[in-house]
Amino acid sequence: MRTASTATGRPIRLLAAVAIIAVSACTVAGPPEAGTPAGGATAAGQTPGSDQASDAGSATKPDPCTLLTPDELKTQLDVDFQPGVLDPISADGGLGGFLQAYCTWNPQQSDVFRSVSLVIHATGTDAPANFEAGRTVGKTKPAPGVGDDAYLILGSGPGTNFAVSFKKGPWYLDLTMSGADWQPNETQLTELAKLAAARL
């Protein structure tokens, strides 16, 4: 009986040893790198680091509608304005992507034809060049004290656009005003631009 017991015990011990080795082999390997499927392969259609690459230069922009208030507009322009409205494209992707972010304020009274808009331009290699190129378009003049650098773009009279283009930190902005029978003065443009720049 001892011989039979010994003979039947060997397969049991061998199977147990094989099971231990198999479990050890599974637990020795560390977990896959975060975001990488098991086996070292990347997700379908991606290459290692592609998420970081696609986000390069697309830092979330401030909401331009938060940079000026209707009360501040009324103080400078003597008109009651509605809250600023972020345009649909900006709301969809402009704040977090390569698109510009665009906000418009309109008067509360429908028979008052004035408009104020503030654009935060898309970040990227073209923004500095476009900012400098704007100095040579139309009638411009420096606007000291606004952000890090700024210049006024002067229209030709009522019904044309008047603007101040300015830079603050990484952001390039245009504050534009127009009206059918009205035009802003330089003080109105620069004072409102200073308020917006101070919030960046």
N, C-alpha and C. Protein backbone atom coordinates (compact mmCIF):
# COMPACT_ATOMS: atom_id res chain seq x y z
N MET A 1 0.82 -1.19 0.00
CA MET A 1 0.00 0.00 0.00
C MET A 1 0.86 1.24 0.00
N ARG A 2 2.03 1.21 0.66
CA ARG A 2 2.90 2.38 0.69
C ARG A 2 3.37 2.74 -0.69
N THR A 3 3.68 1.65 -1.49
CA THR A 3 4.16 1.89 -2.85
C THR A 3 3.09 2.56 -3.69
N ALA A 4 1.88 2.08 -3.56
CA ALA A 4 0.78 2.67 -4.33
C ALA A 4 0.55 4.11 -3.93
N SER A 5 0.63 4.39 -2.61
CA SER A 5 0.43 5.75 -2.13
C SER A 5 1.49 6.69 -2.69
N THR A 6 2.76 6.17 -2.69
CA THR A 6 3.85 7.01 -3.20
C THR A 6 3.68 7.24 -4.68
N ALA A 7 3.29 6.23 -5.40
CA ALA A 7 3.13 6.36 -6.85
C ALA A 7 2.05 7.35 -7.21
N THR A 8 0.93 7.30 -6.46
CA THR A 8 -0.15 8.22 -6.80
C THR A 8 0.12 9.62 -6.29
N GLY A 9 1.00 9.79 -5.31
CA GLY A 9 1.30 11.11 -4.75
C GLY A 9 2.17 11.95 -5.66
N ARG A 10 3.03 11.30 -6.46
CA ARG A 10 3.93 12.07 -7.31
C ARG A 10 3.21 12.95 -8.32
N PRO A 11 2.22 12.43 -9.06
CA PRO A 11 1.51 13.31 -10.00
C PRO A 11 0.85 14.49 -9.32
N ILE A 12 0.34 14.26 -8.10
CA ILE A 12 -0.31 15.36 -7.40
C ILE A 12 0.68 16.46 -7.08
N ARG A 13 1.89 16.05 -6.57
CA ARG A 13 2.90 17.05 -6.24
C ARG A 13 3.42 17.75 -7.49
N LEU A 14 3.54 17.01 -8.61
CA LEU A 14 4.01 17.61 -9.86
C LEU A 14 3.01 18.62 -10.38
N LEU A 15 1.73 18.29 -10.32
CA LEU A 15 0.71 19.23 -10.78
C LEU A 15 0.70 20.49 -9.93
N ALA A 16 0.90 20.31 -8.62
CA ALA A 16 0.94 21.48 -7.73
C ALA A 16 2.12 22.36 -8.06
N ALA A 17 3.27 21.76 -8.36
CA ALA A 17 4.46 22.56 -8.69
C ALA A 17 4.26 23.32 -9.99
N VAL A 18 3.63 22.66 -10.96
CA VAL A 18 3.37 23.33 -12.25
C VAL A 18 2.44 24.51 -12.05
N ALA A 19 1.42 24.34 -11.22
CA ALA A 19 0.48 25.43 -10.96
C ALA A 19 1.16 26.61 -10.30
N ILE A 20 2.07 26.34 -9.34
CA ILE A 20 2.80 27.43 -8.66
C ILE A 20 3.66 28.18 -9.64
N ILE A 21 4.36 27.45 -10.54
CA ILE A 21 5.22 28.11 -11.53
C ILE A 21 4.39 28.99 -12.45
N ALA A 22 3.21 28.48 -12.86
CA ALA A 22 2.36 29.25 -13.76
C ALA A 22 1.87 30.52 -13.11
N VAL A 23 1.45 30.44 -11.85
CA VAL A 23 0.99 31.63 -11.13
C VAL A 23 2.12 32.62 -10.97
N SER A 24 3.32 32.13 -10.65
CA SER A 24 4.47 33.01 -10.48
C SER A 24 4.79 33.73 -11.77
N ALA A 25 4.71 33.03 -12.90
CA ALA A 25 5.00 33.65 -14.19
C ALA A 25 4.04 34.77 -14.49
N CYS A 26 2.77 34.62 -14.07
CA CYS A 26 1.78 35.66 -14.33
C CYS A 26 1.98 36.87 -13.45
N THR A 27 2.49 36.66 -12.24
CA THR A 27 2.59 37.77 -11.30
C THR A 27 3.93 38.48 -11.38
N VAL A 28 4.93 37.90 -12.02
CA VAL A 28 6.23 38.56 -12.10
C VAL A 28 6.16 39.77 -13.02
N ALA A 29 5.45 39.66 -14.15
CA ALA A 29 5.37 40.76 -15.11
C ALA A 29 4.59 41.91 -14.49
N GLY A 30 5.09 43.15 -14.65
CA GLY A 30 4.42 44.33 -14.12
C GLY A 30 3.24 44.72 -14.99
N PRO A 31 2.40 45.63 -14.51
CA PRO A 31 1.24 46.07 -15.28
C PRO A 31 1.68 46.86 -16.50
N PRO A 32 0.87 46.87 -17.57
CA PRO A 32 1.23 47.65 -18.77
C PRO A 32 1.25 49.13 -18.45
N GLU A 33 2.02 49.88 -19.21
CA GLU A 33 2.09 51.32 -19.02
C GLU A 33 0.71 51.93 -19.18
N ALA A 34 0.43 52.94 -18.38
CA ALA A 34 -0.89 53.56 -18.40
C ALA A 34 -1.25 53.99 -19.81
N GLY A 35 -2.46 53.63 -20.24
CA GLY A 35 -2.93 54.03 -21.56
C GLY A 35 -2.50 53.09 -22.67
N THR A 36 -1.73 52.03 -22.33
CA THR A 36 -1.26 51.09 -23.34
C THR A 36 -1.88 49.74 -23.09
N PRO A 37 -2.55 49.14 -24.07
CA PRO A 37 -3.15 47.81 -23.88
C PRO A 37 -2.10 46.78 -23.57
N ALA A 38 -2.53 45.68 -22.96
CA ALA A 38 -1.61 44.61 -22.61
C ALA A 38 -0.87 44.14 -23.84
N GLY A 39 0.40 43.74 -23.63
CA GLY A 39 1.21 43.28 -24.74
C GLY A 39 2.02 44.39 -25.37
N GLY A 40 1.89 45.65 -24.88
CA GLY A 40 2.70 46.74 -25.38
C GLY A 40 2.11 47.44 -26.58
N ALA A 41 0.98 46.95 -27.11
CA ALA A 41 0.37 47.60 -28.26
C ALA A 41 -0.38 48.84 -27.81
N THR A 42 -0.49 49.82 -28.68
CA THR A 42 -1.25 51.03 -28.36
C THR A 42 -2.67 50.87 -28.85
N ALA A 43 -3.54 51.76 -28.42
CA ALA A 43 -4.93 51.69 -28.84
C ALA A 43 -5.04 51.86 -30.34
N ALA A 44 -6.10 51.35 -30.92
CA ALA A 44 -6.26 51.39 -32.38
C ALA A 44 -6.17 52.80 -32.91
N GLY A 45 -5.34 52.98 -33.94
CA GLY A 45 -5.24 54.28 -34.59
C GLY A 45 -4.35 55.26 -33.86
N GLN A 46 -3.66 54.84 -32.79
CA GLN A 46 -2.82 55.76 -32.04
C GLN A 46 -1.39 55.28 -32.04
N THR A 47 -0.49 56.21 -31.84
CA THR A 47 0.91 55.89 -31.63
C THR A 47 1.29 56.39 -30.26
N PRO A 48 2.33 55.85 -29.63
CA PRO A 48 2.70 56.30 -28.29
C PRO A 48 2.90 57.80 -28.26
N GLY A 49 2.26 58.46 -27.29
CA GLY A 49 2.43 59.90 -27.13
C GLY A 49 1.56 60.73 -28.02
N SER A 50 0.66 60.10 -28.82
CA SER A 50 -0.13 60.88 -29.77
C SER A 50 -1.09 61.81 -29.07
N ASP A 51 -1.60 61.44 -27.88
CA ASP A 51 -2.51 62.31 -27.16
C ASP A 51 -1.82 63.60 -26.78
N GLN A 52 -0.59 63.50 -26.26
CA GLN A 52 0.14 64.70 -25.89
C GLN A 52 0.44 65.56 -27.11
N ALA A 53 0.77 64.91 -28.22
CA ALA A 53 1.11 65.68 -29.42
C ALA A 53 -0.09 66.45 -29.94
N SER A 54 -1.28 65.81 -29.88
CA SER A 54 -2.46 66.48 -30.43
C SER A 54 -2.88 67.66 -29.57
N ASP A 55 -2.46 67.68 -28.30
CA ASP A 55 -2.84 68.77 -27.41
C ASP A 55 -1.83 69.92 -27.42
N ALA A 56 -0.72 69.76 -28.11
CA ALA A 56 0.31 70.79 -28.08
C ALA A 56 -0.21 72.10 -28.63
N GLY A 57 -0.06 73.17 -27.86
CA GLY A 57 -0.46 74.49 -28.32
C GLY A 57 -1.94 74.77 -28.22
N SER A 58 -2.71 73.86 -27.61
CA SER A 58 -4.15 74.06 -27.55
C SER A 58 -4.62 74.34 -26.13
N ALA A 59 -3.84 75.10 -25.39
CA ALA A 59 -4.23 75.41 -24.02
C ALA A 59 -5.58 76.13 -24.00
N THR A 60 -6.34 75.83 -22.99
CA THR A 60 -7.67 76.43 -22.89
C THR A 60 -7.57 77.94 -22.75
N LYS A 61 -8.28 78.64 -23.61
CA LYS A 61 -8.29 80.09 -23.57
C LYS A 61 -9.30 80.59 -22.56
N PRO A 62 -9.08 81.78 -22.00
CA PRO A 62 -10.11 82.37 -21.14
C PRO A 62 -11.37 82.65 -21.95
N ASP A 63 -12.50 82.63 -21.30
CA ASP A 63 -13.75 83.00 -21.95
C ASP A 63 -13.77 84.52 -22.12
N PRO A 64 -13.77 85.04 -23.34
CA PRO A 64 -13.72 86.50 -23.52
C PRO A 64 -14.91 87.22 -22.91
N CYS A 65 -16.04 86.50 -22.76
CA CYS A 65 -17.23 87.14 -22.18
C CYS A 65 -17.04 87.46 -20.70
N THR A 66 -16.03 86.87 -20.07
CA THR A 66 -15.77 87.14 -18.65
C THR A 66 -14.79 88.30 -18.45
N LEU A 67 -14.28 88.86 -19.55
CA LEU A 67 -13.25 89.89 -19.42
C LEU A 67 -13.81 91.30 -19.36
N LEU A 68 -15.08 91.48 -19.71
CA LEU A 68 -15.75 92.77 -19.61
C LEU A 68 -17.18 92.54 -19.13
N THR A 69 -17.73 93.50 -18.40
CA THR A 69 -19.10 93.39 -17.91
C THR A 69 -19.98 94.45 -18.57
N PRO A 70 -21.29 94.22 -18.62
CA PRO A 70 -22.19 95.24 -19.15
C PRO A 70 -22.09 96.57 -18.40
N ASP A 71 -21.86 96.52 -17.09
CA ASP A 71 -21.71 97.77 -16.32
C ASP A 71 -20.48 98.55 -16.76
N GLU A 72 -19.40 97.84 -17.03
CA GLU A 72 -18.18 98.53 -17.48
C GLU A 72 -18.39 99.15 -18.86
N LEU A 73 -19.11 98.44 -19.70
CA LEU A 73 -19.41 99.00 -21.02
C LEU A 73 -20.29 100.25 -20.89
N LYS A 74 -21.27 100.20 -20.00
CA LYS A 74 -22.14 101.35 -19.83
C LYS A 74 -21.37 102.55 -19.29
N THR A 75 -20.44 102.30 -18.37
CA THR A 75 -19.65 103.41 -17.82
C THR A 75 -18.90 104.14 -18.91
N GLN A 76 -18.34 103.42 -19.84
CA GLN A 76 -17.55 104.04 -20.90
C GLN A 76 -18.39 104.52 -22.08
N LEU A 77 -19.45 103.80 -22.41
CA LEU A 77 -20.18 104.08 -23.65
C LEU A 77 -21.56 104.70 -23.42
N ASP A 78 -21.99 104.75 -22.16
CA ASP A 78 -23.27 105.35 -21.80
C ASP A 78 -24.45 104.67 -22.49
N VAL A 79 -24.37 103.35 -22.60
CA VAL A 79 -25.44 102.55 -23.21
C VAL A 79 -25.61 101.29 -22.36
N ASP A 80 -26.84 100.87 -22.15
CA ASP A 80 -27.11 99.62 -21.43
C ASP A 80 -26.91 98.44 -22.37
N PHE A 81 -26.02 97.52 -21.97
CA PHE A 81 -25.71 96.35 -22.80
C PHE A 81 -26.24 95.08 -22.16
N GLN A 82 -26.57 94.14 -23.01
CA GLN A 82 -26.90 92.79 -22.55
C GLN A 82 -25.60 92.07 -22.18
N PRO A 83 -25.71 90.96 -21.43
CA PRO A 83 -24.51 90.17 -21.16
C PRO A 83 -23.87 89.69 -22.46
N GLY A 84 -22.56 89.52 -22.42
CA GLY A 84 -21.86 89.03 -23.61
C GLY A 84 -22.29 87.62 -23.98
N VAL A 85 -22.25 87.36 -25.28
CA VAL A 85 -22.65 86.04 -25.80
C VAL A 85 -21.46 85.42 -26.53
N LEU A 86 -21.07 84.24 -26.10
CA LEU A 86 -19.99 83.50 -26.75
C LEU A 86 -20.55 82.84 -28.00
N ASP A 87 -19.91 83.04 -29.14
CA ASP A 87 -20.46 82.48 -30.37
C ASP A 87 -20.39 80.96 -30.34
N PRO A 88 -21.27 80.27 -31.06
CA PRO A 88 -21.36 78.80 -30.96
C PRO A 88 -20.07 78.07 -31.26
N ILE A 89 -19.29 78.56 -32.24
CA ILE A 89 -18.05 77.86 -32.58
C ILE A 89 -17.07 77.96 -31.42
N SER A 90 -16.97 79.12 -30.80
CA SER A 90 -16.09 79.27 -29.64
C SER A 90 -16.55 78.37 -28.51
N ALA A 91 -17.86 78.32 -28.27
CA ALA A 91 -18.38 77.51 -27.18
C ALA A 91 -18.10 76.03 -27.42
N ASP A 92 -18.10 75.63 -28.68
CA ASP A 92 -17.92 74.22 -29.02
C ASP A 92 -16.46 73.80 -28.94
N GLY A 93 -15.54 74.63 -29.45
CA GLY A 93 -14.16 74.19 -29.47
C GLY A 93 -13.13 75.29 -29.33
N GLY A 94 -13.55 76.55 -29.37
CA GLY A 94 -12.57 77.63 -29.38
C GLY A 94 -11.77 77.77 -28.11
N LEU A 95 -12.41 77.51 -26.95
CA LEU A 95 -11.70 77.73 -25.69
C LEU A 95 -10.65 76.67 -25.44
N GLY A 96 -10.83 75.48 -25.98
CA GLY A 96 -9.89 74.41 -25.71
C GLY A 96 -9.10 73.97 -26.92
N GLY A 97 -9.28 74.60 -28.05
CA GLY A 97 -8.59 74.16 -29.26
C GLY A 97 -7.89 75.29 -29.97
N PHE A 98 -7.73 75.11 -31.28
CA PHE A 98 -6.96 76.06 -32.06
C PHE A 98 -7.80 77.20 -32.62
N LEU A 99 -9.13 77.16 -32.40
CA LEU A 99 -9.99 78.20 -32.92
C LEU A 99 -9.92 79.44 -32.03
N GLN A 100 -10.31 80.58 -32.60
CA GLN A 100 -10.41 81.80 -31.80
C GLN A 100 -11.65 81.73 -30.92
N ALA A 101 -11.64 82.51 -29.86
CA ALA A 101 -12.82 82.62 -28.98
C ALA A 101 -13.39 84.02 -29.15
N TYR A 102 -14.70 84.11 -29.39
CA TYR A 102 -15.32 85.35 -29.86
C TYR A 102 -16.56 85.65 -29.01
N CYS A 103 -16.60 86.86 -28.42
CA CYS A 103 -17.75 87.28 -27.61
C CYS A 103 -18.28 88.61 -28.13
N THR A 104 -19.61 88.75 -28.12
CA THR A 104 -20.26 89.97 -28.59
C THR A 104 -21.24 90.48 -27.54
N TRP A 105 -21.22 91.81 -27.34
CA TRP A 105 -22.18 92.48 -26.47
C TRP A 105 -23.06 93.38 -27.34
N ASN A 106 -24.36 93.30 -27.17
CA ASN A 106 -25.30 94.13 -27.91
C ASN A 106 -26.13 94.96 -26.93
N PRO A 107 -26.60 96.13 -27.37
CA PRO A 107 -27.42 96.98 -26.49
C PRO A 107 -28.72 96.31 -26.09
N GLN A 108 -29.22 96.70 -24.93
CA GLN A 108 -30.51 96.18 -24.48
C GLN A 108 -31.65 96.70 -25.36
N GLN A 109 -31.53 97.94 -25.83
CA GLN A 109 -32.56 98.51 -26.70
C GLN A 109 -32.27 98.14 -28.15
N SER A 110 -33.28 97.59 -28.82
CA SER A 110 -33.08 97.13 -30.19
C SER A 110 -32.90 98.26 -31.18
N ASP A 111 -33.26 99.48 -30.80
CA ASP A 111 -33.11 100.60 -31.73
C ASP A 111 -31.80 101.35 -31.53
N VAL A 112 -30.92 100.82 -30.67
CA VAL A 112 -29.59 101.39 -30.49
C VAL A 112 -28.61 100.50 -31.25
N PHE A 113 -27.99 101.07 -32.27
CA PHE A 113 -27.15 100.26 -33.16
C PHE A 113 -25.68 100.44 -32.80
N ARG A 114 -25.26 99.71 -31.78
CA ARG A 114 -23.85 99.70 -31.39
C ARG A 114 -23.46 98.26 -31.07
N SER A 115 -22.23 97.95 -31.30
CA SER A 115 -21.77 96.59 -31.07
C SER A 115 -20.36 96.61 -30.51
N VAL A 116 -20.12 95.72 -29.56
CA VAL A 116 -18.79 95.56 -28.98
C VAL A 116 -18.44 94.08 -29.08
N SER A 117 -17.26 93.78 -29.56
CA SER A 117 -16.82 92.39 -29.63
C SER A 117 -15.39 92.27 -29.12
N LEU A 118 -15.09 91.12 -28.56
CA LEU A 118 -13.75 90.83 -28.06
C LEU A 118 -13.36 89.45 -28.54
N VAL A 119 -12.23 89.39 -29.22
CA VAL A 119 -11.74 88.13 -29.77
C VAL A 119 -10.42 87.77 -29.12
N ILE A 120 -10.32 86.54 -28.66
CA ILE A 120 -9.02 85.99 -28.24
C ILE A 120 -8.58 85.05 -29.35
N HIS A 121 -7.50 85.41 -30.00
CA HIS A 121 -7.09 84.66 -31.18
C HIS A 121 -6.49 83.32 -30.81
N ALA A 122 -6.56 82.41 -31.78
CA ALA A 122 -5.98 81.09 -31.60
C ALA A 122 -4.48 81.22 -31.33
N THR A 123 -4.02 80.43 -30.39
CA THR A 123 -2.59 80.43 -30.11
C THR A 123 -1.87 79.64 -31.20
N GLY A 124 -0.63 79.92 -31.41
CA GLY A 124 0.14 79.22 -32.44
C GLY A 124 1.17 80.13 -33.06
N THR A 125 1.87 79.60 -34.03
CA THR A 125 2.99 80.32 -34.61
C THR A 125 2.55 81.54 -35.41
N ASP A 126 1.29 81.57 -35.90
CA ASP A 126 0.84 82.68 -36.72
C ASP A 126 0.41 83.90 -35.90
N ALA A 127 0.08 83.70 -34.64
CA ALA A 127 -0.47 84.80 -33.85
C ALA A 127 0.48 85.99 -33.74
N PRO A 128 1.75 85.81 -33.40
CA PRO A 128 2.65 86.98 -33.31
C PRO A 128 2.81 87.69 -34.65
N ALA A 129 2.94 86.93 -35.73
CA ALA A 129 3.11 87.55 -37.05
C ALA A 129 1.87 88.33 -37.46
N ASN A 130 0.70 87.76 -37.19
CA ASN A 130 -0.54 88.46 -37.53
C ASN A 130 -0.71 89.73 -36.71
N PHE A 131 -0.30 89.67 -35.46
CA PHE A 131 -0.38 90.85 -34.60
C PHE A 131 0.50 91.97 -35.15
N GLU A 132 1.71 91.64 -35.54
CA GLU A 132 2.62 92.65 -36.09
C GLU A 132 2.13 93.16 -37.44
N ALA A 133 1.57 92.27 -38.25
CA ALA A 133 1.08 92.68 -39.56
C ALA A 133 -0.07 93.67 -39.44
N GLY A 134 -0.85 93.56 -38.36
CA GLY A 134 -1.98 94.46 -38.17
C GLY A 134 -1.58 95.91 -38.02
N ARG A 135 -0.34 96.15 -37.60
CA ARG A 135 0.13 97.52 -37.43
C ARG A 135 0.21 98.27 -38.75
N THR A 136 0.29 97.54 -39.84
CA THR A 136 0.49 98.16 -41.15
C THR A 136 -0.80 98.25 -41.96
N VAL A 137 -1.92 97.83 -41.37
CA VAL A 137 -3.20 97.83 -42.09
C VAL A 137 -4.04 99.00 -41.63
N GLY A 138 -4.42 99.88 -42.55
CA GLY A 138 -5.26 101.01 -42.20
C GLY A 138 -4.53 102.05 -41.37
N LYS A 139 -5.32 102.82 -40.63
CA LYS A 139 -4.76 103.88 -39.79
C LYS A 139 -4.58 103.35 -38.38
N THR A 140 -3.34 103.24 -37.95
CA THR A 140 -3.04 102.70 -36.62
C THR A 140 -2.17 103.67 -35.84
N LYS A 141 -2.16 103.48 -34.53
CA LYS A 141 -1.29 104.25 -33.65
C LYS A 141 -1.07 103.46 -32.38
N PRO A 142 0.05 103.65 -31.69
CA PRO A 142 0.32 102.90 -30.46
C PRO A 142 -0.73 103.19 -29.39
N ALA A 143 -0.95 102.19 -28.54
CA ALA A 143 -1.86 102.34 -27.41
C ALA A 143 -1.11 101.95 -26.14
N PRO A 144 -0.27 102.85 -25.63
CA PRO A 144 0.54 102.53 -24.45
C PRO A 144 -0.32 102.27 -23.23
N GLY A 145 0.16 101.36 -22.39
CA GLY A 145 -0.53 101.06 -21.14
C GLY A 145 -1.57 99.96 -21.23
N VAL A 146 -1.75 99.41 -22.42
CA VAL A 146 -2.72 98.31 -22.60
C VAL A 146 -1.95 97.00 -22.73
N GLY A 147 -2.09 96.12 -21.76
CA GLY A 147 -1.42 94.82 -21.82
C GLY A 147 0.09 94.96 -21.94
N ASP A 148 0.68 94.01 -22.65
CA ASP A 148 2.13 94.02 -22.87
C ASP A 148 2.51 94.83 -24.11
N ASP A 149 1.59 94.94 -25.04
CA ASP A 149 1.82 95.69 -26.28
C ASP A 149 0.45 95.90 -26.92
N ALA A 150 0.25 97.06 -27.54
CA ALA A 150 -1.07 97.33 -28.12
C ALA A 150 -1.00 98.46 -29.14
N TYR A 151 -1.97 98.45 -30.04
CA TYR A 151 -2.12 99.56 -30.98
C TYR A 151 -3.59 99.72 -31.34
N LEU A 152 -3.95 100.95 -31.66
CA LEU A 152 -5.31 101.28 -32.08
C LEU A 152 -5.44 101.14 -33.59
N ILE A 153 -6.60 100.67 -34.02
CA ILE A 153 -6.95 100.65 -35.44
C ILE A 153 -8.15 101.58 -35.59
N LEU A 154 -7.95 102.71 -36.25
CA LEU A 154 -8.97 103.75 -36.32
C LEU A 154 -9.76 103.66 -37.61
N GLY A 155 -11.09 103.62 -37.46
CA GLY A 155 -11.95 103.61 -38.63
C GLY A 155 -12.03 104.98 -39.27
N SER A 156 -12.85 105.08 -40.29
CA SER A 156 -12.95 106.34 -41.03
C SER A 156 -14.15 107.18 -40.60
N GLY A 157 -14.92 106.68 -39.61
CA GLY A 157 -16.07 107.45 -39.15
C GLY A 157 -17.18 106.52 -38.71
N PRO A 158 -18.37 107.08 -38.38
CA PRO A 158 -19.51 106.25 -37.97
C PRO A 158 -19.81 105.16 -38.99
N GLY A 159 -20.16 103.99 -38.48
CA GLY A 159 -20.46 102.87 -39.37
C GLY A 159 -19.25 102.03 -39.73
N THR A 160 -18.06 102.44 -39.29
CA THR A 160 -16.86 101.65 -39.55
C THR A 160 -16.31 101.13 -38.23
N ASN A 161 -15.47 100.12 -38.34
CA ASN A 161 -14.91 99.50 -37.13
C ASN A 161 -13.74 100.29 -36.56
N PHE A 162 -13.76 100.43 -35.24
CA PHE A 162 -12.63 100.96 -34.48
C PHE A 162 -12.19 99.85 -33.53
N ALA A 163 -10.89 99.69 -33.36
CA ALA A 163 -10.43 98.55 -32.56
C ALA A 163 -9.13 98.86 -31.84
N VAL A 164 -8.85 98.05 -30.85
CA VAL A 164 -7.54 98.03 -30.23
C VAL A 164 -7.08 96.58 -30.20
N SER A 165 -5.92 96.34 -30.79
CA SER A 165 -5.31 95.02 -30.77
C SER A 165 -4.25 95.01 -29.69
N PHE A 166 -4.29 93.99 -28.85
CA PHE A 166 -3.31 93.97 -27.75
C PHE A 166 -2.88 92.55 -27.40
N LYS A 167 -1.73 92.51 -26.76
CA LYS A 167 -1.14 91.25 -26.32
C LYS A 167 -1.02 91.28 -24.80
N LYS A 168 -1.38 90.15 -24.18
CA LYS A 168 -1.19 90.02 -22.74
C LYS A 168 -0.77 88.58 -22.44
N GLY A 169 0.47 88.42 -21.97
CA GLY A 169 0.98 87.07 -21.76
C GLY A 169 1.00 86.31 -23.08
N PRO A 170 0.43 85.10 -23.13
CA PRO A 170 0.43 84.33 -24.37
C PRO A 170 -0.73 84.68 -25.30
N TRP A 171 -1.60 85.59 -24.89
CA TRP A 171 -2.84 85.82 -25.63
C TRP A 171 -2.77 87.07 -26.52
N TYR A 172 -3.39 86.98 -27.68
CA TYR A 172 -3.53 88.10 -28.62
C TYR A 172 -5.02 88.37 -28.79
N LEU A 173 -5.41 89.63 -28.61
CA LEU A 173 -6.84 89.97 -28.60
C LEU A 173 -7.14 91.17 -29.47
N ASP A 174 -8.39 91.25 -29.92
CA ASP A 174 -8.93 92.42 -30.61
C ASP A 174 -10.21 92.83 -29.92
N LEU A 175 -10.28 94.08 -29.48
CA LEU A 175 -11.51 94.67 -28.97
C LEU A 175 -12.02 95.62 -30.05
N THR A 176 -13.20 95.34 -30.59
CA THR A 176 -13.73 96.08 -31.73
C THR A 176 -15.08 96.69 -31.38
N MET A 177 -15.28 97.93 -31.81
CA MET A 177 -16.56 98.62 -31.60
C MET A 177 -17.01 99.28 -32.90
N SER A 178 -18.33 99.31 -33.07
CA SER A 178 -18.89 99.98 -34.24
C SER A 178 -20.32 100.38 -33.96
N GLY A 179 -20.84 101.29 -34.78
CA GLY A 179 -22.22 101.74 -34.64
C GLY A 179 -22.66 102.44 -35.90
N ALA A 180 -23.94 102.30 -36.23
CA ALA A 180 -24.44 102.87 -37.48
C ALA A 180 -24.27 104.39 -37.52
N ASP A 181 -24.50 105.05 -36.39
CA ASP A 181 -24.40 106.52 -36.35
C ASP A 181 -23.48 106.98 -35.21
N TRP A 182 -22.51 106.14 -34.91
CA TRP A 182 -21.65 106.42 -33.74
C TRP A 182 -20.28 105.83 -33.96
N GLN A 183 -19.29 106.44 -33.32
CA GLN A 183 -17.95 105.87 -33.32
C GLN A 183 -17.34 106.09 -31.94
N PRO A 184 -16.57 105.11 -31.44
CA PRO A 184 -15.94 105.26 -30.13
C PRO A 184 -14.74 106.18 -30.23
N ASN A 185 -14.36 106.76 -29.10
CA ASN A 185 -13.12 107.54 -29.10
C ASN A 185 -11.98 106.66 -28.56
N GLU A 186 -10.79 107.19 -28.64
CA GLU A 186 -9.63 106.40 -28.25
C GLU A 186 -9.64 106.05 -26.77
N THR A 187 -10.12 106.95 -25.94
CA THR A 187 -10.16 106.67 -24.50
C THR A 187 -11.09 105.52 -24.19
N GLN A 188 -12.25 105.50 -24.83
CA GLN A 188 -13.19 104.40 -24.61
C GLN A 188 -12.57 103.05 -25.00
N LEU A 189 -11.90 103.03 -26.12
CA LEU A 189 -11.26 101.79 -26.57
C LEU A 189 -10.18 101.34 -25.60
N THR A 190 -9.28 102.25 -25.25
CA THR A 190 -8.13 101.85 -24.43
C THR A 190 -8.54 101.52 -23.00
N GLU A 191 -9.49 102.24 -22.43
CA GLU A 191 -9.88 101.96 -21.05
C GLU A 191 -10.55 100.59 -20.93
N LEU A 192 -11.39 100.24 -21.88
CA LEU A 192 -12.01 98.93 -21.84
C LEU A 192 -11.00 97.82 -22.12
N ALA A 193 -10.06 98.07 -23.01
CA ALA A 193 -9.01 97.08 -23.28
C ALA A 193 -8.14 96.86 -22.04
N LYS A 194 -7.87 97.93 -21.29
CA LYS A 194 -7.10 97.79 -20.06
C LYS A 194 -7.82 96.89 -19.05
N LEU A 195 -9.13 97.05 -18.93
CA LEU A 195 -9.90 96.22 -18.01
C LEU A 195 -9.83 94.76 -18.42
N ALA A 196 -9.97 94.50 -19.72
CA ALA A 196 -9.91 93.11 -20.20
C ALA A 196 -8.52 92.52 -19.97
N ALA A 197 -7.49 93.30 -20.28
CA ALA A 197 -6.13 92.79 -20.12
C ALA A 197 -5.80 92.49 -18.67
N ALA A 198 -6.34 93.30 -17.75
CA ALA A 198 -6.05 93.11 -16.33
C ALA A 198 -6.62 91.79 -15.80
N ARG A 199 -7.57 91.21 -16.51
CA ARG A 199 -8.18 89.95 -16.05
C ARG A 199 -7.51 88.72 -16.67
N LEU A 200 -6.51 88.92 -17.47
CA LEU A 200 -5.82 87.79 -18.07
C LEU A 200 -4.61 87.38 -17.23
